[in-house]
Amino acid sequence: YFTTISKCAQSDQLYFNLLEKPFQDCCRRGLLGQKALVLLCRNTPEAFMKKLLNTNVNDLRKLHVNDLPPEWSSNSTHRPQSGKDHRYTKRVTHNTGRQRIRY
């Protein structure tokens, strides 16, 4: 849907007007996945994305869905490839000195 809007909108302002409400609904329902976020960051002007995401991130291309509020992606089918949510990881050190990540 977001890609179609970006291709059909005749101006940036029209694109933003068409994008704003569905994006908010998507986030409210917890459906924002990494794939949709990447497409939005690629197709949407930076100023509009920063306004939609309410963020001041310098490089939107490096933005990950885990950097956003967790409720925005709670029902998404596009999870990180490892299947783990890296928001809830911690690095632990074994008594031998070896480190690992505990989920």
Protein backbone atom coordinates (compact mmCIF):
# COMPACT_ATOMS: atom_id res chain seq x y z
CA TYR A 1 0.00 0.00 0.00
CA PHE A 2 2.72 2.49 0.98
CA THR A 3 4.69 1.79 -2.21
CA THR A 4 1.59 2.28 -4.36
CA ILE A 5 0.89 5.62 -2.71
CA SER A 6 4.45 6.77 -3.34
CA LYS A 7 4.17 5.94 -7.04
CA CYS A 8 0.71 7.44 -7.57
CA ALA A 9 0.89 10.66 -5.59
CA GLN A 10 1.55 13.67 -7.79
CA SER A 11 3.18 15.83 -5.14
CA ASP A 12 5.03 15.39 -1.86
CA GLN A 13 2.25 17.09 0.08
CA LEU A 14 -0.43 14.83 -1.43
CA TYR A 15 1.77 11.81 -0.67
CA PHE A 16 2.16 12.85 2.95
CA ASN A 17 -1.59 13.50 3.31
CA LEU A 18 -2.36 10.04 1.90
CA LEU A 19 0.32 8.38 4.01
CA GLU A 20 -0.22 9.93 7.44
CA LYS A 21 -3.52 8.30 8.54
CA PRO A 22 -2.77 4.74 7.27
CA PHE A 23 0.69 4.89 8.83
CA GLN A 24 -0.76 5.89 12.20
CA ASP A 25 -3.34 3.10 11.94
CA CYS A 26 -0.60 0.62 11.06
CA CYS A 27 1.43 1.62 14.12
CA ARG A 28 -1.61 1.66 16.40
CA ARG A 29 -2.45 -1.91 15.36
CA GLY A 30 1.16 -3.03 15.81
CA LEU A 31 1.65 -3.93 12.15
CA LEU A 32 4.79 -1.97 11.31
CA GLY A 33 7.42 -4.46 10.19
CA GLN A 34 11.04 -3.98 9.17
CA LYS A 35 10.25 -4.47 5.49
CA ALA A 36 7.56 -1.75 5.50
CA LEU A 37 9.84 0.57 7.46
CA VAL A 38 12.67 0.13 4.95
CA LEU A 39 10.34 0.81 2.01
CA LEU A 40 8.92 3.89 3.72
CA CYS A 41 12.37 5.27 4.54
CA ARG A 42 13.46 4.69 0.95
CA ASN A 43 10.40 6.22 -0.75
CA THR A 44 9.44 9.02 1.64
CA PRO A 45 11.21 12.38 1.91
CA GLU A 46 13.35 12.52 5.04
CA ALA A 47 11.49 15.45 6.61
CA PHE A 48 8.16 13.62 6.29
CA MET A 49 9.56 10.40 7.77
CA LYS A 50 11.05 12.24 10.72
CA LYS A 51 7.66 13.87 11.33
CA LEU A 52 5.80 10.54 11.03
CA LEU A 53 8.23 8.72 13.31
CA ASN A 54 8.63 11.68 15.66
CA THR A 55 12.40 11.23 15.66
CA ASN A 56 15.60 13.12 14.94
CA VAL A 57 17.63 10.16 13.67
CA ASN A 58 20.45 11.29 11.39
CA ASP A 59 20.38 8.35 8.97
CA LEU A 60 16.95 6.84 8.37
CA ARG A 61 18.50 4.05 6.27
CA LYS A 62 19.99 2.57 9.46
CA LEU A 63 16.72 2.79 11.39
CA HIS A 64 15.45 -0.57 12.64
CA VAL A 65 11.97 -1.44 13.80
CA ASN A 66 13.48 -2.29 17.20
CA ASP A 67 14.53 1.37 17.55
CA LEU A 68 10.87 2.39 17.59
CA PRO A 69 8.25 1.82 20.30
CA PRO A 70 7.60 -1.94 20.65
CA GLU A 71 3.82 -1.58 20.37
CA TRP A 72 4.24 -0.37 16.77
CA SER A 73 5.48 -3.80 15.67
CA SER A 74 3.88 -6.12 18.26
CA ASN A 75 1.61 -7.87 15.70
CA SER A 76 3.90 -7.67 12.69
CA THR A 77 4.78 -10.79 10.73
CA HIS A 78 8.09 -9.29 9.56
CA ARG A 79 10.28 -9.83 12.57
CA PRO A 80 14.08 -9.67 12.73
CA GLN A 81 15.60 -12.61 10.85
CA SER A 82 16.97 -14.30 13.96
CA GLY A 83 13.45 -14.55 15.34
CA LYS A 84 14.62 -12.92 18.55
CA ASP A 85 13.62 -9.49 19.75
CA HIS A 86 16.93 -7.78 20.42
CA ARG A 87 15.34 -5.19 22.70
CA TYR A 88 15.33 -7.79 25.45
CA THR A 89 18.82 -9.23 25.17
CA LYS A 90 21.68 -8.92 27.57
CA ARG A 91 25.34 -9.80 27.32
CA VAL A 92 26.48 -12.25 30.00
CA THR A 93 29.99 -13.41 30.83
CA HIS A 94 30.70 -17.04 31.62
CA ASN A 95 33.13 -17.82 34.45
CA THR A 96 35.70 -18.74 31.78
CA GLY A 97 35.54 -15.18 30.44
CA ARG A 98 33.63 -16.11 27.29
CA GLN A 99 30.72 -13.79 26.52
CA ARG A 100 27.37 -14.62 24.99
CA ILE A 101 24.02 -13.01 24.43
CA ARG A 102 21.12 -14.26 26.54
CA TYR A 103 17.57 -13.82 25.24
